[in-house]
Amino acid sequence: TGWWISTTFATTTTPICSALFMLEPKASNQIENEVVLAKQEAALQWCANASHHAATHGGKPWRYLLIPHDAIAENHTLVGLAARFGG
């Protein structure tokens, strides 16, 4: 068990978190920016489409997290970030 993370995507093999994640860290002062919010809407739609496809093919659902940069720290887990910023 464990997790894998790249610049934008993360997945985990732990039972508590059986999903694929699209992670978007942003400067905390840009979270309400019009362009960031438009990209968030597009990402949420992409995750919904990808989750639907995955469900029909036995895959994991996708979740999108828009995370303020100052909320990311070594002692924060993906599960904790998902609980705080997963909507």
N, C-alpha and C. Protein backbone atom coordinates (compact mmCIF):
# COMPACT_ATOMS: atom_id res chain seq x y z
N THR A 1 0.84 -1.19 0.00
CA THR A 1 0.00 0.00 0.00
C THR A 1 0.88 1.24 0.00
N GLY A 2 0.29 2.35 -0.36
CA GLY A 2 1.02 3.60 -0.42
C GLY A 2 0.39 4.54 -1.41
N TRP A 3 1.10 5.59 -1.78
CA TRP A 3 0.54 6.53 -2.74
C TRP A 3 1.62 7.02 -3.66
N TRP A 4 1.16 7.56 -4.77
CA TRP A 4 2.03 8.09 -5.81
C TRP A 4 1.54 9.49 -6.12
N ILE A 5 2.46 10.40 -6.37
CA ILE A 5 2.06 11.77 -6.68
C ILE A 5 2.98 12.34 -7.76
N SER A 6 2.40 13.08 -8.66
CA SER A 6 3.17 13.83 -9.65
C SER A 6 2.74 15.28 -9.55
N THR A 7 3.07 16.07 -10.50
CA THR A 7 2.76 17.49 -10.44
C THR A 7 1.27 17.74 -10.25
N THR A 8 0.43 16.98 -10.94
CA THR A 8 -0.99 17.28 -10.92
C THR A 8 -1.88 16.13 -10.50
N PHE A 9 -1.39 14.92 -10.58
CA PHE A 9 -2.24 13.78 -10.31
C PHE A 9 -1.68 12.94 -9.18
N ALA A 10 -2.56 12.32 -8.42
CA ALA A 10 -2.13 11.42 -7.36
C ALA A 10 -3.11 10.27 -7.29
N THR A 11 -2.63 9.15 -6.87
CA THR A 11 -3.49 8.00 -6.63
C THR A 11 -3.00 7.31 -5.39
N THR A 12 -3.84 6.52 -4.81
CA THR A 12 -3.46 5.80 -3.60
C THR A 12 -3.98 4.38 -3.67
N THR A 13 -3.29 3.50 -3.00
CA THR A 13 -3.73 2.11 -2.94
C THR A 13 -4.25 1.75 -1.55
N THR A 14 -4.40 2.73 -0.70
CA THR A 14 -4.93 2.46 0.63
C THR A 14 -6.45 2.37 0.56
N PRO A 15 -7.06 1.49 1.35
CA PRO A 15 -8.52 1.31 1.28
C PRO A 15 -9.31 2.58 1.60
N ILE A 16 -8.77 3.44 2.47
CA ILE A 16 -9.51 4.64 2.88
C ILE A 16 -9.64 5.63 1.73
N CYS A 17 -8.82 5.50 0.73
CA CYS A 17 -8.79 6.49 -0.33
C CYS A 17 -8.72 5.81 -1.69
N SER A 18 -9.75 5.11 -2.07
CA SER A 18 -9.72 4.38 -3.34
C SER A 18 -10.22 5.27 -4.47
N ALA A 19 -9.47 6.32 -4.77
CA ALA A 19 -9.82 7.26 -5.82
C ALA A 19 -8.55 7.77 -6.48
N LEU A 20 -8.72 8.36 -7.64
CA LEU A 20 -7.65 9.07 -8.32
C LEU A 20 -7.90 10.56 -8.09
N PHE A 21 -6.85 11.32 -7.93
CA PHE A 21 -6.99 12.73 -7.61
C PHE A 21 -6.30 13.61 -8.65
N MET A 22 -6.96 14.70 -8.99
CA MET A 22 -6.34 15.78 -9.73
C MET A 22 -6.11 16.88 -8.69
N LEU A 23 -4.86 17.18 -8.43
CA LEU A 23 -4.50 18.15 -7.41
C LEU A 23 -4.05 19.44 -8.08
N GLU A 24 -4.59 20.56 -7.60
CA GLU A 24 -4.18 21.85 -8.16
C GLU A 24 -3.80 22.79 -7.03
N PRO A 25 -2.51 22.82 -6.68
CA PRO A 25 -2.07 23.79 -5.69
C PRO A 25 -2.01 25.18 -6.33
N LYS A 26 -2.48 26.16 -5.62
CA LYS A 26 -2.45 27.56 -6.08
C LYS A 26 -2.05 28.46 -4.92
N ALA A 27 -1.46 29.58 -5.25
CA ALA A 27 -1.17 30.58 -4.22
C ALA A 27 -2.48 30.94 -3.53
N SER A 28 -2.44 31.02 -2.23
CA SER A 28 -3.69 31.26 -1.48
C SER A 28 -4.38 32.56 -1.89
N ASN A 29 -3.63 33.53 -2.37
CA ASN A 29 -4.25 34.79 -2.81
C ASN A 29 -4.85 34.70 -4.21
N GLN A 30 -4.74 33.54 -4.86
CA GLN A 30 -5.31 33.36 -6.20
C GLN A 30 -6.50 32.40 -6.22
N ILE A 31 -6.86 31.84 -5.08
CA ILE A 31 -7.92 30.83 -5.02
C ILE A 31 -9.25 31.35 -5.57
N GLU A 32 -9.55 32.62 -5.37
CA GLU A 32 -10.82 33.20 -5.86
C GLU A 32 -10.67 33.91 -7.20
N ASN A 33 -9.51 33.79 -7.83
CA ASN A 33 -9.26 34.41 -9.13
C ASN A 33 -10.21 33.84 -10.18
N GLU A 34 -10.71 34.69 -11.05
CA GLU A 34 -11.69 34.30 -12.07
C GLU A 34 -11.16 33.17 -12.98
N VAL A 35 -9.91 33.26 -13.39
CA VAL A 35 -9.33 32.23 -14.26
C VAL A 35 -9.18 30.91 -13.50
N VAL A 36 -8.74 30.98 -12.25
CA VAL A 36 -8.59 29.77 -11.43
C VAL A 36 -9.95 29.11 -11.24
N LEU A 37 -10.98 29.89 -10.98
CA LEU A 37 -12.32 29.33 -10.79
C LEU A 37 -12.87 28.71 -12.08
N ALA A 38 -12.55 29.31 -13.23
CA ALA A 38 -12.97 28.74 -14.51
C ALA A 38 -12.26 27.41 -14.76
N LYS A 39 -10.98 27.35 -14.44
CA LYS A 39 -10.23 26.10 -14.58
C LYS A 39 -10.76 25.05 -13.62
N GLN A 40 -11.17 25.48 -12.43
CA GLN A 40 -11.75 24.55 -11.46
C GLN A 40 -13.02 23.92 -12.02
N GLU A 41 -13.87 24.72 -12.62
CA GLU A 41 -15.11 24.19 -13.21
C GLU A 41 -14.80 23.17 -14.30
N ALA A 42 -13.82 23.48 -15.15
CA ALA A 42 -13.42 22.55 -16.21
C ALA A 42 -12.86 21.26 -15.62
N ALA A 43 -12.06 21.38 -14.58
CA ALA A 43 -11.47 20.20 -13.94
C ALA A 43 -12.55 19.35 -13.27
N LEU A 44 -13.52 19.99 -12.64
CA LEU A 44 -14.61 19.23 -12.01
C LEU A 44 -15.41 18.47 -13.06
N GLN A 45 -15.66 19.10 -14.20
CA GLN A 45 -16.37 18.41 -15.28
C GLN A 45 -15.55 17.26 -15.83
N TRP A 46 -14.25 17.48 -16.00
CA TRP A 46 -13.37 16.42 -16.48
C TRP A 46 -13.40 15.23 -15.52
N CYS A 47 -13.31 15.50 -14.22
CA CYS A 47 -13.34 14.43 -13.22
C CYS A 47 -14.68 13.69 -13.25
N ALA A 48 -15.77 14.41 -13.44
CA ALA A 48 -17.08 13.76 -13.53
C ALA A 48 -17.13 12.84 -14.75
N ASN A 49 -16.64 13.32 -15.89
CA ASN A 49 -16.61 12.50 -17.10
C ASN A 49 -15.69 11.29 -16.93
N ALA A 50 -14.52 11.50 -16.37
CA ALA A 50 -13.57 10.41 -16.16
C ALA A 50 -14.11 9.39 -15.16
N SER A 51 -14.80 9.87 -14.13
CA SER A 51 -15.39 8.96 -13.14
C SER A 51 -16.49 8.11 -13.77
N HIS A 52 -17.29 8.72 -14.61
CA HIS A 52 -18.35 7.97 -15.30
C HIS A 52 -17.73 6.88 -16.17
N HIS A 53 -16.70 7.25 -16.93
CA HIS A 53 -16.01 6.26 -17.77
C HIS A 53 -15.40 5.15 -16.92
N ALA A 54 -14.75 5.53 -15.84
CA ALA A 54 -14.11 4.54 -14.96
C ALA A 54 -15.14 3.59 -14.37
N ALA A 55 -16.30 4.12 -13.99
CA ALA A 55 -17.34 3.29 -13.39
C ALA A 55 -17.83 2.22 -14.36
N THR A 56 -17.85 2.54 -15.64
CA THR A 56 -18.32 1.57 -16.62
C THR A 56 -17.23 0.56 -17.01
N HIS A 57 -16.00 0.80 -16.57
CA HIS A 57 -14.88 -0.08 -16.91
C HIS A 57 -14.14 -0.59 -15.68
N GLY A 58 -14.77 -0.52 -14.53
CA GLY A 58 -14.18 -1.06 -13.31
C GLY A 58 -13.04 -0.25 -12.72
N GLY A 59 -12.98 1.02 -13.06
CA GLY A 59 -11.91 1.88 -12.54
C GLY A 59 -12.32 2.66 -11.31
N LYS A 60 -11.40 3.45 -10.84
CA LYS A 60 -11.63 4.28 -9.65
C LYS A 60 -12.23 5.63 -10.05
N PRO A 61 -13.01 6.23 -9.16
CA PRO A 61 -13.53 7.58 -9.43
C PRO A 61 -12.41 8.62 -9.31
N TRP A 62 -12.64 9.76 -9.95
CA TRP A 62 -11.71 10.88 -9.90
C TRP A 62 -12.25 11.96 -8.99
N ARG A 63 -11.35 12.61 -8.25
CA ARG A 63 -11.70 13.75 -7.40
C ARG A 63 -10.74 14.89 -7.68
N TYR A 64 -11.26 16.10 -7.61
CA TYR A 64 -10.47 17.30 -7.86
C TYR A 64 -10.30 18.07 -6.56
N LEU A 65 -9.08 18.51 -6.30
CA LEU A 65 -8.80 19.32 -5.12
C LEU A 65 -8.07 20.60 -5.53
N LEU A 66 -8.64 21.73 -5.23
CA LEU A 66 -7.97 23.03 -5.37
C LEU A 66 -7.43 23.37 -3.98
N ILE A 67 -6.11 23.41 -3.86
CA ILE A 67 -5.48 23.49 -2.54
C ILE A 67 -4.65 24.77 -2.44
N PRO A 68 -4.93 25.62 -1.45
CA PRO A 68 -4.08 26.78 -1.23
C PRO A 68 -2.65 26.34 -0.88
N HIS A 69 -1.67 27.02 -1.41
CA HIS A 69 -0.28 26.60 -1.22
C HIS A 69 0.11 26.51 0.26
N ASP A 70 -0.44 27.38 1.06
CA ASP A 70 -0.05 27.39 2.47
C ASP A 70 -0.75 26.32 3.30
N ALA A 71 -1.58 25.49 2.66
CA ALA A 71 -2.22 24.36 3.34
C ALA A 71 -1.43 23.07 3.12
N ILE A 72 -0.39 23.14 2.30
CA ILE A 72 0.40 21.95 1.98
C ILE A 72 1.62 21.91 2.89
N ALA A 73 1.76 20.80 3.59
CA ALA A 73 2.90 20.64 4.50
C ALA A 73 3.22 19.15 4.61
N GLU A 74 4.43 18.85 5.05
CA GLU A 74 4.87 17.46 5.18
C GLU A 74 3.98 16.64 6.09
N ASN A 75 3.39 17.25 7.08
CA ASN A 75 2.58 16.50 8.04
C ASN A 75 1.12 16.39 7.63
N HIS A 76 0.75 16.84 6.42
CA HIS A 76 -0.62 16.71 5.92
C HIS A 76 -0.69 15.56 4.93
N THR A 77 -1.69 14.74 5.09
CA THR A 77 -1.85 13.59 4.20
C THR A 77 -2.80 13.92 3.06
N LEU A 78 -2.79 13.10 2.04
CA LEU A 78 -3.73 13.25 0.94
C LEU A 78 -5.16 13.09 1.46
N VAL A 79 -5.36 12.16 2.36
CA VAL A 79 -6.69 11.96 2.95
C VAL A 79 -7.15 13.21 3.68
N GLY A 80 -6.26 13.84 4.44
CA GLY A 80 -6.60 15.07 5.15
C GLY A 80 -6.89 16.22 4.21
N LEU A 81 -6.08 16.37 3.17
CA LEU A 81 -6.33 17.42 2.19
C LEU A 81 -7.65 17.19 1.46
N ALA A 82 -7.96 15.95 1.14
CA ALA A 82 -9.23 15.62 0.47
C ALA A 82 -10.40 15.96 1.37
N ALA A 83 -10.27 15.70 2.65
CA ALA A 83 -11.35 16.02 3.59
C ALA A 83 -11.56 17.53 3.69
N ARG A 84 -10.48 18.28 3.64
CA ARG A 84 -10.57 19.74 3.77
C ARG A 84 -10.97 20.46 2.50
N PHE A 85 -10.47 19.99 1.36
CA PHE A 85 -10.63 20.73 0.12
C PHE A 85 -11.37 19.97 -0.99
N GLY A 86 -11.89 18.80 -0.66
CA GLY A 86 -12.53 17.96 -1.67
C GLY A 86 -13.96 18.30 -1.97
N GLY A 87 -14.53 19.23 -1.28
CA GLY A 87 -15.89 19.68 -1.57
C GLY A 87 -16.98 18.74 -1.18
